[in-house]
Amino acid sequence: MKLYYSPGACSLSPHIALEEAGLAYEAVAAPTKTHKLADGTDYYSINPLGYVPLLVLDDGTKLREGPAIVQYIADQAPAKNLAPANGSLARYQMQSWLNFIATELHKNFGPLFNPATADDIKTATKDKINGRLKWLEGELAGKQYLMGDNFTVADGYLFTVSNWAGHTGLDLSPFPNLVAYRARIAARPAVVKAMTAEGLIK
C-alpha cells in the first residue's frame, strides 16, 4: 500500500491507523501547497482532486476520503481491534463519530486556515467549533477513548483534527477531558512514529 500525505494534514489520521495496524506501507509526501512529489511528479496526475489522503492498494485501486480509508485499514488487521466488527451497532457508532469529526470539526477548521477569511467569519467559526468541543467534552467524561476503553481509528482522526487548534488560535484549556484524552493518544507509540515520520515531532 502507498499513502499519500501532507505533513500535519488530515492524512495524519490514516498514517496513525497504518502504524497502529502494523501493516506494510509506503508513505509519500504530497505537499498540499505545491502539489509536487519529491521526484517532480504532479500530484494531480495521481489524484485529480489534489488533496490528501489517498491510499493506493497493491493492485492499483485508489481509496479517497479519510473516514473510508481508516476503516479499510482497520479491517485489514482485525486482531488490532481498531474498529468494531462490520454490521455491529458499535461499528455504526464509530461511523457516527467519524462523520461528526469530518463534518462538525474538520470542515469547520477550513476557514481558519484561509488568510482571505474575514475576521468576523473566523470569530463565528471558532464559536461554532467551541460549541461542538463543549459537547465533546461531556462525551469524553469517564472515557479513555471515544468508544470507551478501546482505541479506534476514530480516535486517530479526532486527535489529528484537534491538533489544528494550536495553529488557529483555539484554546483547548476549557476542555480538560479533551486535553487529557489528547495526551493519552499523543503518547501511543504508533502516534509518535507517524508524527515523527511527518516531521511534526523530533
Protein backbone atom coordinates (compact mmCIF):
# COMPACT_ATOMS: atom_id res chain seq x y z
CA MET A 1 0.00 0.00 0.00
CA LYS A 2 1.02 3.58 -0.59
CA LEU A 3 -0.28 6.50 1.48
CA TYR A 4 -0.06 9.98 0.01
CA TYR A 5 0.07 12.54 2.81
CA SER A 6 0.91 16.13 3.62
CA PRO A 7 2.60 16.74 6.98
CA GLY A 8 0.12 17.64 9.70
CA ALA A 9 -2.90 17.48 7.37
CA CYS A 10 -5.87 15.17 7.86
CA SER A 11 -3.78 12.42 6.26
CA LEU A 12 -2.08 12.04 9.64
CA SER A 13 -5.18 10.06 10.66
CA PRO A 14 -4.64 7.14 8.22
CA HIS A 15 -0.90 7.44 8.84
CA ILE A 16 -1.60 6.72 12.51
CA ALA A 17 -4.02 3.94 11.56
CA LEU A 18 -1.40 2.22 9.41
CA GLU A 19 1.12 2.32 12.25
CA GLU A 20 -1.46 1.06 14.75
CA ALA A 21 -2.42 -1.75 12.38
CA GLY A 22 1.19 -2.78 11.79
CA LEU A 23 0.65 -3.05 8.05
CA ALA A 24 3.37 -2.68 5.43
CA TYR A 25 3.06 0.58 3.52
CA GLU A 26 4.99 3.35 1.83
CA ALA A 27 4.34 6.96 2.84
CA VAL A 28 4.72 9.52 0.04
CA ALA A 29 4.69 13.23 0.81
CA ALA A 30 2.32 15.19 -1.42
CA PRO A 31 2.52 18.78 -0.15
CA THR A 32 -0.87 20.47 -0.45
CA LYS A 33 0.69 23.82 -1.34
CA THR A 34 2.88 22.75 -4.26
CA HIS A 35 1.15 19.52 -5.28
CA LYS A 36 4.55 18.24 -6.37
CA LEU A 37 6.10 14.99 -5.21
CA ALA A 38 9.79 14.77 -4.38
CA ASP A 39 10.52 13.37 -7.84
CA GLY A 40 8.68 16.26 -9.50
CA THR A 41 5.51 14.32 -10.30
CA ASP A 42 2.37 16.46 -10.40
CA TYR A 43 0.14 15.06 -7.65
CA TYR A 44 -2.95 15.97 -9.69
CA SER A 45 -1.90 13.25 -12.14
CA ILE A 46 -2.34 10.75 -9.29
CA ASN A 47 -5.34 12.28 -7.56
CA PRO A 48 -7.25 14.77 -9.74
CA LEU A 49 -8.86 16.22 -6.61
CA GLY A 50 -5.43 17.29 -5.43
CA TYR A 51 -5.94 16.67 -1.75
CA VAL A 52 -4.82 14.08 0.75
CA PRO A 53 -5.14 11.41 1.99
CA LEU A 54 -5.06 8.96 -0.86
CA LEU A 55 -4.41 5.27 -0.29
CA VAL A 56 -3.28 3.23 -3.29
CA LEU A 57 -3.63 -0.50 -2.82
CA ASP A 58 -1.15 -3.03 -4.16
CA ASP A 59 -3.40 -3.75 -7.15
CA GLY A 60 -3.57 -0.04 -8.01
CA THR A 61 -7.04 0.58 -6.57
CA LYS A 62 -7.34 4.05 -5.09
CA LEU A 63 -9.23 4.90 -1.92
CA ARG A 64 -10.07 8.51 -1.14
CA GLU A 65 -11.57 10.22 1.93
CA GLY A 66 -10.05 9.69 5.34
CA PRO A 67 -13.03 8.08 7.14
CA ALA A 68 -13.29 5.40 4.44
CA ILE A 69 -9.53 4.85 4.32
CA VAL A 70 -9.13 4.34 8.07
CA GLN A 71 -11.96 1.81 8.16
CA TYR A 72 -10.36 -0.12 5.32
CA ILE A 73 -7.06 -0.12 7.21
CA ALA A 74 -8.74 -1.30 10.41
CA ASP A 75 -10.43 -4.16 8.58
CA GLN A 76 -7.07 -5.39 7.24
CA ALA A 77 -5.87 -6.02 10.80
CA PRO A 78 -8.96 -7.20 12.74
CA ALA A 79 -6.88 -8.54 15.62
CA LYS A 80 -5.80 -4.99 16.43
CA ASN A 81 -9.41 -4.00 17.25
CA LEU A 82 -9.10 -0.62 15.56
CA ALA A 83 -12.77 -0.77 14.56
CA PRO A 84 -15.75 -2.80 15.77
CA ALA A 85 -16.96 -5.62 13.57
CA ASN A 86 -18.81 -4.71 10.37
CA GLY A 87 -22.56 -4.90 10.86
CA SER A 88 -22.40 -4.38 14.62
CA LEU A 89 -24.11 -1.46 16.34
CA ALA A 90 -20.72 -0.43 17.68
CA ARG A 91 -19.44 -0.10 14.10
CA TYR A 92 -22.24 2.30 13.26
CA GLN A 93 -21.50 4.25 16.44
CA MET A 94 -17.88 4.57 15.38
CA GLN A 95 -19.01 5.70 11.93
CA SER A 96 -21.15 8.29 13.65
CA TRP A 97 -18.03 9.61 15.37
CA LEU A 98 -16.11 9.66 12.10
CA ASN A 99 -18.90 11.65 10.47
CA PHE A 100 -19.14 14.07 13.40
CA ILE A 101 -15.40 14.72 13.26
CA ALA A 102 -15.48 15.15 9.47
CA THR A 103 -18.48 17.46 9.22
CA GLU A 104 -18.64 19.30 12.53
CA LEU A 105 -14.93 19.75 13.26
CA HIS A 106 -12.70 19.04 10.26
CA LYS A 107 -14.78 21.01 7.76
CA ASN A 108 -15.19 23.96 10.10
CA PHE A 109 -11.44 24.39 10.53
CA GLY A 110 -11.08 25.19 6.81
CA PRO A 111 -11.96 28.91 7.01
CA LEU A 112 -9.50 29.38 9.88
CA PHE A 113 -6.60 28.32 7.65
CA ASN A 114 -7.64 30.63 4.82
CA PRO A 115 -5.94 34.05 5.09
CA ALA A 116 -8.73 35.53 2.97
CA THR A 117 -11.41 34.69 5.54
CA ALA A 118 -12.79 37.82 7.19
CA ASP A 119 -12.21 38.24 10.93
CA ASP A 120 -15.90 38.16 11.77
CA ILE A 121 -16.28 34.88 9.91
CA LYS A 122 -13.29 33.45 11.77
CA THR A 123 -14.80 34.51 15.09
CA ALA A 124 -18.14 32.92 14.24
CA THR A 125 -16.38 29.76 13.07
CA LYS A 126 -14.39 29.50 16.30
CA ASP A 127 -17.59 29.93 18.29
CA LYS A 128 -19.18 27.08 16.35
CA ILE A 129 -16.19 24.79 16.86
CA ASN A 130 -16.08 25.64 20.57
CA GLY A 131 -19.74 24.70 20.84
CA ARG A 132 -19.01 21.31 19.33
CA LEU A 133 -15.98 20.86 21.59
CA LYS A 134 -18.08 21.69 24.65
CA TRP A 135 -20.44 18.86 23.73
CA LEU A 136 -17.49 16.57 23.02
CA GLU A 137 -16.02 17.40 26.42
CA GLY A 138 -19.10 15.94 28.08
CA GLU A 139 -18.99 12.85 25.87
CA LEU A 140 -15.40 12.16 26.93
CA ALA A 141 -16.18 12.26 30.65
CA GLY A 142 -15.20 8.97 32.25
CA LYS A 143 -13.85 7.53 28.97
CA GLN A 144 -10.37 6.64 27.84
CA TYR A 145 -11.36 6.89 24.18
CA LEU A 146 -14.41 7.80 22.08
CA MET A 147 -15.73 4.24 22.13
CA GLY A 148 -14.82 3.55 25.76
CA ASP A 149 -11.67 1.70 26.77
CA ASN A 150 -10.51 0.73 23.26
CA PHE A 151 -8.65 2.99 20.85
CA THR A 152 -10.24 3.05 17.39
CA VAL A 153 -9.46 4.80 14.13
CA ALA A 154 -11.98 7.48 15.13
CA ASP A 155 -9.59 8.49 17.91
CA GLY A 156 -6.74 8.94 15.48
CA TYR A 157 -8.96 11.21 13.39
CA LEU A 158 -10.11 13.33 16.35
CA PHE A 159 -6.52 13.65 17.55
CA THR A 160 -5.44 14.81 14.09
CA VAL A 161 -8.16 17.43 13.73
CA SER A 162 -7.83 18.73 17.29
CA ASN A 163 -4.10 19.24 16.62
CA TRP A 164 -5.14 22.18 14.46
CA ALA A 165 -6.42 24.16 17.44
CA GLY A 166 -2.96 25.47 18.24
CA HIS A 167 -2.42 26.62 14.66
CA THR A 168 -5.70 28.52 14.50
CA GLY A 169 -5.81 30.24 17.87
CA LEU A 170 -8.33 27.93 19.53
CA ASP A 171 -7.77 27.42 23.25
CA LEU A 172 -8.44 23.86 24.41
CA SER A 173 -7.79 24.55 28.10
CA PRO A 174 -11.53 24.94 28.88
CA PHE A 175 -11.89 21.27 27.90
CA PRO A 176 -9.80 19.25 30.40
CA ASN A 177 -11.25 15.90 29.35
CA LEU A 178 -10.23 16.60 25.76
CA VAL A 179 -6.77 17.78 26.83
CA ALA A 180 -6.21 14.59 28.87
CA TYR A 181 -7.58 12.47 26.02
CA ARG A 182 -5.18 14.11 23.56
CA ALA A 183 -2.26 13.44 25.90
CA ARG A 184 -3.15 9.74 26.07
CA ILE A 185 -3.24 9.46 22.31
CA ALA A 186 -0.06 11.51 21.80
CA ALA A 187 1.80 9.03 24.00
CA ARG A 188 0.85 5.99 21.91
CA PRO A 189 3.94 4.57 20.14
CA ALA A 190 2.18 4.38 16.76
CA VAL A 191 1.16 8.04 17.03
CA VAL A 192 4.68 9.07 17.94
CA LYS A 193 6.05 7.10 14.99
CA ALA A 194 3.62 8.62 12.49
CA MET A 195 4.17 12.16 13.75
CA THR A 196 7.94 11.69 13.73
CA ALA A 197 7.80 10.42 10.14
CA GLU A 198 5.91 13.57 9.13
CA GLY A 199 8.40 15.83 10.90
CA LEU A 200 5.82 17.02 13.43
CA ILE A 201 7.93 15.93 16.38
CA LYS A 202 11.61 15.16 16.66
